[in-house]
Amino acid sequence: MVHIGFKGKSFTNVLFKGISLNQGRHHSNKIALVEKILNGLLGKVALITGGATGIGESIARLFHKHGAKVCIVDLQDNLGQHVCDTLGGEPNSCYFHCDVAKEDDVCRAVDFTVSRFGTLDIMVNNAGLSGSPCPDICSADISEFEKLFDVNVKGVFLGMKHAARIMIPLKKGSIVSLCSVASAIGGLGPHAYTGSKHAVLGLTKNVAAELGLHGIRVNCVSPYAVLTGLALAHLPEEERTEDAMAGFRDFTGSNANLQGVELTTDDVANAVLFLASDEARYVSGANLMVDGGFTCSNHSLRVFR
């Protein structure tokens, strides 16, 4: 056996010292990566519409966890303020009452956010309605159609418009809107809802084409069915029971493409986080499907049969 020495030190000692140093560097790199992930929105300011419950609440909590200051915008004042309070309130979170279908409300919400936090880096257009089931277009209520488009389309348009007036002078920003698998496939829901989500996708692509010149990214996220209050909103209050939720889970689970996992609001929030962060700094005009491959199979839920 040949013993190799390095200035009085055995090869074994040198080798293990090198391994120890490499392990230390690897550990430091892992820590740095974790810190980068957890602080991915550090110093950023985000406005989240519909942030009091459901997907919006999950987005607000995740953004806050990753270092962002968040303004929660909603009509449900008690719930919205509660979320804000559980995030610690000022100076890192605030709540503002807003009807996204009214331009004055959206304008004031954006101005309020900027006045509190000094800027606006991220706009999340999450507020939306699902509408009442109506498979028969001949029986469709035009007032219901207009109500959905007011919130789902006009609300997104106004969010984009007023976020843009803050972001354009800054030459940066990220706008993320909540869309749906109904933006890609017909036969998944009421006509008004499906039409509204196709419109959101169209707005996303067109506004991305305009605002790219100013360094602003515009994207949307399209999830498969998620169990939230919105999913059962078409039911009378007394029918939104545990059995109804179980029925929703059974129906969506049996029709899902990806089996063995249930889509949650946190899954959707993670997709929004990615698009909002600098990790997606060259992603714009995209429709990120969070559907477990549902739209790849090119089928519908056959709501008209």
Protein backbone atom coordinates (compact mmCIF):
# COMPACT_ATOMS: atom_id res chain seq x y z
CA MET A 1 0.00 0.00 0.00
CA VAL A 2 1.38 3.38 -0.99
CA HIS A 3 1.00 6.22 1.49
CA ILE A 4 0.72 9.59 -0.20
CA GLY A 5 1.55 12.69 1.81
CA PHE A 6 0.89 16.40 1.21
CA LYS A 7 3.29 18.51 3.23
CA GLY A 8 3.01 16.35 6.31
CA LYS A 9 -0.68 15.54 5.86
CA SER A 10 -1.96 12.17 4.74
CA PHE A 11 -4.03 11.88 1.57
CA THR A 12 -6.90 10.57 3.71
CA ASN A 13 -6.94 13.71 5.84
CA VAL A 14 -6.81 15.96 2.78
CA LEU A 15 -9.56 13.95 1.08
CA PHE A 16 -11.94 14.06 4.03
CA LYS A 17 -11.26 17.75 4.57
CA GLY A 18 -12.16 18.37 0.92
CA ILE A 19 -15.34 16.33 1.26
CA SER A 20 -16.25 18.26 4.39
CA LEU A 21 -15.69 21.58 2.62
CA ASN A 22 -17.78 20.47 -0.37
CA GLN A 23 -20.57 19.31 1.92
CA GLY A 24 -20.44 22.65 3.67
CA ARG A 25 -20.68 24.52 0.38
CA HIS A 26 -23.52 22.25 -0.75
CA HIS A 27 -25.38 22.90 2.50
CA SER A 28 -24.84 26.65 2.13
CA ASN A 29 -26.13 26.51 -1.45
CA LYS A 30 -29.23 24.64 -0.29
CA ILE A 31 -29.86 27.25 2.39
CA ALA A 32 -29.40 30.04 -0.15
CA LEU A 33 -31.85 28.33 -2.52
CA VAL A 34 -34.45 27.90 0.21
CA GLU A 35 -34.05 31.54 1.24
CA LYS A 36 -34.43 32.63 -2.38
CA ILE A 37 -37.62 30.61 -2.74
CA LEU A 38 -39.13 31.77 0.56
CA ASN A 39 -38.19 35.39 -0.13
CA GLY A 40 -39.14 35.34 -3.79
CA LEU A 41 -41.44 38.34 -3.39
CA LEU A 42 -39.45 40.16 -0.71
CA GLY A 43 -40.10 43.89 -0.99
CA LYS A 44 -42.82 43.44 -3.62
CA VAL A 45 -46.29 44.98 -3.27
CA ALA A 46 -49.31 43.00 -4.46
CA LEU A 47 -53.00 43.82 -4.79
CA ILE A 48 -55.28 40.76 -4.78
CA THR A 49 -58.95 41.09 -5.71
CA GLY A 50 -61.32 38.57 -4.17
CA GLY A 51 -58.69 37.96 -1.51
CA ALA A 52 -61.03 37.32 1.41
CA THR A 53 -61.76 33.65 0.73
CA GLY A 54 -60.93 30.67 -1.46
CA ILE A 55 -58.16 30.93 -4.03
CA GLY A 56 -57.66 34.63 -3.35
CA GLU A 57 -57.09 34.03 0.35
CA SER A 58 -54.55 31.29 -0.42
CA ILE A 59 -52.73 33.66 -2.79
CA ALA A 60 -52.65 36.41 -0.17
CA ARG A 61 -51.26 34.08 2.49
CA LEU A 62 -48.66 32.58 0.14
CA PHE A 63 -47.50 35.98 -1.12
CA HIS A 64 -47.17 37.22 2.46
CA LYS A 65 -45.18 34.09 3.36
CA HIS A 66 -42.80 34.85 0.51
CA GLY A 67 -42.15 38.39 1.66
CA ALA A 68 -44.71 40.50 -0.20
CA LYS A 69 -46.82 43.29 1.21
CA VAL A 70 -50.41 42.57 0.25
CA CYS A 71 -53.58 44.59 -0.14
CA ILE A 72 -56.65 42.37 0.03
CA VAL A 73 -59.58 43.72 -1.98
CA ASP A 74 -63.08 42.29 -1.60
CA LEU A 75 -66.74 42.99 -0.83
CA GLN A 76 -66.72 40.69 2.21
CA ASP A 77 -65.36 43.17 4.72
CA ASN A 78 -65.34 41.00 7.83
CA LEU A 79 -63.65 38.07 6.10
CA GLY A 80 -61.18 40.28 4.27
CA GLN A 81 -60.19 42.15 7.40
CA HIS A 82 -59.84 38.85 9.25
CA VAL A 83 -57.35 37.56 6.67
CA CYS A 84 -55.46 40.83 6.90
CA ASP A 85 -55.37 40.61 10.70
CA THR A 86 -54.10 37.02 10.67
CA LEU A 87 -51.26 38.18 8.43
CA GLY A 88 -50.26 40.68 11.07
CA GLY A 89 -52.01 43.73 9.65
CA GLU A 90 -49.97 46.88 9.17
CA PRO A 91 -47.36 47.46 7.88
CA ASN A 92 -47.36 44.35 5.66
CA SER A 93 -51.04 43.84 4.84
CA CYS A 94 -54.19 45.90 4.49
CA TYR A 95 -57.80 45.54 3.37
CA PHE A 96 -59.90 47.68 1.01
CA HIS A 97 -63.61 47.39 0.19
CA CYS A 98 -64.08 47.24 -3.57
CA ASP A 99 -66.58 46.18 -6.22
CA VAL A 100 -64.37 45.25 -9.18
CA ALA A 101 -67.22 45.92 -11.61
CA LYS A 102 -67.05 49.64 -10.72
CA GLU A 103 -64.16 51.61 -12.17
CA ASP A 104 -64.09 54.18 -9.37
CA ASP A 105 -63.74 51.37 -6.82
CA VAL A 106 -60.86 49.72 -8.70
CA CYS A 107 -59.14 53.07 -9.23
CA ARG A 108 -59.38 53.86 -5.53
CA ALA A 109 -58.19 50.37 -4.55
CA VAL A 110 -55.04 50.77 -6.64
CA ASP A 111 -54.41 54.28 -5.32
CA PHE A 112 -54.99 53.07 -1.75
CA THR A 113 -52.42 50.30 -2.20
CA VAL A 114 -49.84 52.72 -3.58
CA SER A 115 -50.52 55.21 -0.78
CA ARG A 116 -49.99 52.50 1.85
CA PHE A 117 -46.99 50.72 0.38
CA GLY A 118 -45.45 53.21 -2.03
CA THR A 119 -45.83 51.24 -5.25
CA LEU A 120 -47.58 48.35 -7.01
CA ASP A 121 -45.51 45.46 -8.37
CA ILE A 122 -48.11 42.71 -8.75
CA MET A 123 -51.79 42.83 -9.66
CA VAL A 124 -53.81 39.64 -9.17
CA ASN A 125 -57.27 39.73 -10.74
CA ASN A 126 -58.91 36.91 -8.83
CA ALA A 127 -62.45 38.13 -8.07
CA GLY A 128 -65.06 36.26 -10.07
CA LEU A 129 -68.46 34.59 -10.22
CA SER A 130 -69.44 31.14 -11.47
CA GLY A 131 -73.08 31.85 -12.24
CA SER A 132 -76.14 29.65 -12.06
CA PRO A 133 -76.33 26.40 -14.05
CA CYS A 134 -78.32 26.96 -17.24
CA PRO A 135 -77.74 24.40 -20.00
CA ASP A 136 -80.49 25.85 -22.20
CA ILE A 137 -79.48 29.05 -24.02
CA CYS A 138 -83.11 29.74 -24.89
CA SER A 139 -83.88 30.05 -21.18
CA ALA A 140 -80.77 32.06 -20.32
CA ASP A 141 -81.30 35.23 -18.30
CA ILE A 142 -79.55 38.21 -19.90
CA SER A 143 -79.21 39.92 -16.52
CA GLU A 144 -77.27 36.90 -15.24
CA PHE A 145 -75.07 37.05 -18.33
CA GLU A 146 -74.37 40.75 -17.82
CA LYS A 147 -73.64 40.26 -14.11
CA LEU A 148 -71.00 37.62 -14.83
CA PHE A 149 -69.35 39.70 -17.53
CA ASP A 150 -69.34 42.76 -15.27
CA VAL A 151 -67.32 40.94 -12.62
CA ASN A 152 -65.37 38.32 -14.58
CA VAL A 153 -64.43 40.43 -17.61
CA LYS A 154 -64.90 44.10 -16.80
CA GLY A 155 -63.36 43.53 -13.37
CA VAL A 156 -60.25 41.99 -14.94
CA PHE A 157 -60.06 44.72 -17.58
CA LEU A 158 -60.27 47.46 -14.95
CA GLY A 159 -57.65 45.72 -12.82
CA MET A 160 -55.31 45.59 -15.79
CA LYS A 161 -56.02 49.20 -16.74
CA HIS A 162 -55.37 50.74 -13.35
CA ALA A 163 -52.41 48.51 -12.55
CA ALA A 164 -50.90 49.55 -15.88
CA ARG A 165 -51.10 53.27 -15.12
CA ILE A 166 -48.91 52.66 -12.05
CA MET A 167 -46.58 50.12 -13.67
CA ILE A 168 -45.91 51.83 -17.02
CA PRO A 169 -43.85 54.69 -15.54
CA LEU A 170 -41.91 52.11 -13.50
CA LYS A 171 -41.17 50.02 -16.60
CA LYS A 172 -41.91 46.81 -14.70
CA GLY A 173 -44.69 44.80 -13.11
CA SER A 174 -46.63 41.56 -13.25
CA ILE A 175 -50.37 41.16 -13.83
CA VAL A 176 -51.88 37.72 -13.23
CA SER A 177 -55.56 36.96 -13.78
CA LEU A 178 -57.50 33.89 -12.70
CA CYS A 179 -58.99 32.11 -15.67
CA SER A 180 -60.30 28.54 -16.00
CA VAL A 181 -60.13 25.34 -17.99
CA ALA A 182 -63.34 26.76 -19.47
CA SER A 183 -61.09 29.19 -21.35
CA ALA A 184 -59.84 26.30 -23.46
CA ILE A 185 -62.75 23.87 -23.79
CA GLY A 186 -66.51 24.18 -24.22
CA GLY A 187 -69.08 22.19 -22.32
CA LEU A 188 -67.64 22.78 -18.85
CA GLY A 189 -70.10 25.30 -17.46
CA PRO A 190 -72.76 27.93 -18.13
CA HIS A 191 -72.47 29.94 -21.35
CA ALA A 192 -71.87 33.21 -19.51
CA TYR A 193 -69.09 31.73 -17.39
CA THR A 194 -67.37 30.03 -20.33
CA GLY A 195 -67.65 33.16 -22.46
CA SER A 196 -66.23 35.30 -19.67
CA LYS A 197 -63.19 33.06 -19.23
CA HIS A 198 -62.49 33.03 -22.96
CA ALA A 199 -62.62 36.82 -22.75
CA VAL A 200 -60.12 36.89 -19.88
CA LEU A 201 -57.71 34.80 -21.93
CA GLY A 202 -58.12 37.13 -24.90
CA LEU A 203 -57.51 40.18 -22.72
CA THR A 204 -54.43 38.55 -21.22
CA LYS A 205 -52.85 37.94 -24.60
CA ASN A 206 -53.75 41.35 -26.02
CA VAL A 207 -52.68 43.36 -22.99
CA ALA A 208 -49.45 41.35 -22.81
CA ALA A 209 -48.80 42.38 -26.42
CA GLU A 210 -49.20 46.05 -25.49
CA LEU A 211 -47.48 46.19 -22.11
CA GLY A 212 -44.42 44.16 -23.06
CA LEU A 213 -43.01 47.40 -24.47
CA HIS A 214 -43.03 48.75 -20.92
CA GLY A 215 -41.43 45.70 -19.30
CA ILE A 216 -44.74 44.52 -17.81
CA ARG A 217 -45.69 40.84 -17.91
CA VAL A 218 -49.34 39.76 -18.23
CA ASN A 219 -50.41 36.14 -17.71
CA CYS A 220 -53.32 34.05 -16.50
CA VAL A 221 -53.81 30.79 -14.60
CA SER A 222 -56.47 28.27 -15.58
CA PRO A 223 -57.30 25.71 -12.89
CA TYR A 224 -59.51 22.66 -13.05
CA ALA A 225 -62.40 22.53 -10.56
CA VAL A 226 -61.43 23.54 -7.02
CA LEU A 227 -63.65 23.12 -3.98
CA THR A 228 -64.27 26.66 -2.71
CA GLY A 229 -67.31 28.62 -1.66
CA LEU A 230 -67.58 29.77 -5.28
CA ALA A 231 -67.96 26.18 -6.49
CA LEU A 232 -71.18 25.81 -4.49
CA ALA A 233 -72.35 29.42 -4.80
CA HIS A 234 -75.16 28.45 -7.18
CA LEU A 235 -76.79 26.43 -4.39
CA PRO A 236 -79.09 27.92 -1.75
CA GLU A 237 -77.26 28.49 1.54
CA GLU A 238 -79.02 25.61 3.26
CA GLU A 239 -77.89 23.18 0.53
CA ARG A 240 -74.16 23.95 0.86
CA THR A 241 -73.66 20.97 3.11
CA GLU A 242 -70.90 18.43 3.74
CA ASP A 243 -72.79 16.05 1.45
CA ALA A 244 -72.80 18.67 -1.30
CA MET A 245 -69.05 19.16 -0.93
CA ALA A 246 -68.51 15.39 -1.01
CA GLY A 247 -70.62 15.18 -4.14
CA PHE A 248 -68.56 17.92 -5.79
CA ARG A 249 -65.35 16.09 -4.92
CA ASP A 250 -66.67 12.79 -6.26
CA PHE A 251 -67.85 14.37 -9.52
CA THR A 252 -64.70 16.38 -10.23
CA GLY A 253 -62.43 13.57 -9.07
CA SER A 254 -64.04 10.96 -11.29
CA ASN A 255 -63.81 13.28 -14.31
CA ALA A 256 -60.24 14.42 -13.63
CA ASN A 257 -57.40 13.28 -15.85
CA LEU A 258 -54.80 13.17 -13.06
CA GLN A 259 -55.84 10.62 -10.46
CA GLY A 260 -54.65 10.17 -6.89
CA VAL A 261 -54.41 13.88 -6.08
CA GLU A 262 -57.04 16.54 -5.44
CA LEU A 263 -56.52 20.07 -6.74
CA THR A 264 -56.48 22.60 -3.89
CA THR A 265 -56.44 26.37 -3.63
CA ASP A 266 -52.79 26.14 -2.56
CA ASP A 267 -51.91 24.46 -5.86
CA VAL A 268 -53.45 27.35 -7.77
CA ALA A 269 -51.76 29.89 -5.51
CA ASN A 270 -48.37 28.30 -6.22
CA ALA A 271 -48.93 28.77 -9.96
CA VAL A 272 -49.85 32.43 -9.43
CA LEU A 273 -46.76 32.87 -7.24
CA PHE A 274 -44.53 31.55 -10.02
CA LEU A 275 -45.97 33.90 -12.64
CA ALA A 276 -45.82 36.86 -10.26
CA SER A 277 -42.20 36.24 -9.29
CA ASP A 278 -38.94 36.96 -11.07
CA GLU A 279 -38.61 33.21 -11.67
CA ALA A 280 -41.01 33.84 -14.58
CA ARG A 281 -39.30 37.05 -15.70
CA TYR A 282 -39.54 36.14 -19.40
CA VAL A 283 -43.02 34.61 -19.29
CA SER A 284 -45.80 36.80 -20.68
CA GLY A 285 -49.02 36.21 -22.57
CA ALA A 286 -49.22 32.69 -21.15
CA ASN A 287 -52.19 30.70 -19.92
CA LEU A 288 -50.77 28.37 -17.26
CA MET A 289 -53.03 25.33 -17.03
CA VAL A 290 -53.32 23.87 -13.53
CA ASP A 291 -55.60 21.07 -14.58
CA GLY A 292 -53.70 17.80 -14.23
CA GLY A 293 -53.79 17.39 -17.99
CA PHE A 294 -57.59 17.66 -18.19
CA THR A 295 -57.56 19.85 -21.29
CA CYS A 296 -55.01 17.56 -22.99
CA SER A 297 -57.64 14.85 -23.25
CA ASN A 298 -59.85 17.29 -25.17
CA HIS A 299 -63.16 16.35 -23.62
CA SER A 300 -65.80 18.16 -21.62
CA LEU A 301 -68.00 17.47 -18.63
CA ARG A 302 -70.94 17.21 -21.04
CA VAL A 303 -73.06 19.65 -19.08
CA PHE A 304 -75.45 19.92 -22.02
CA ARG A 305 -76.37 16.22 -22.09
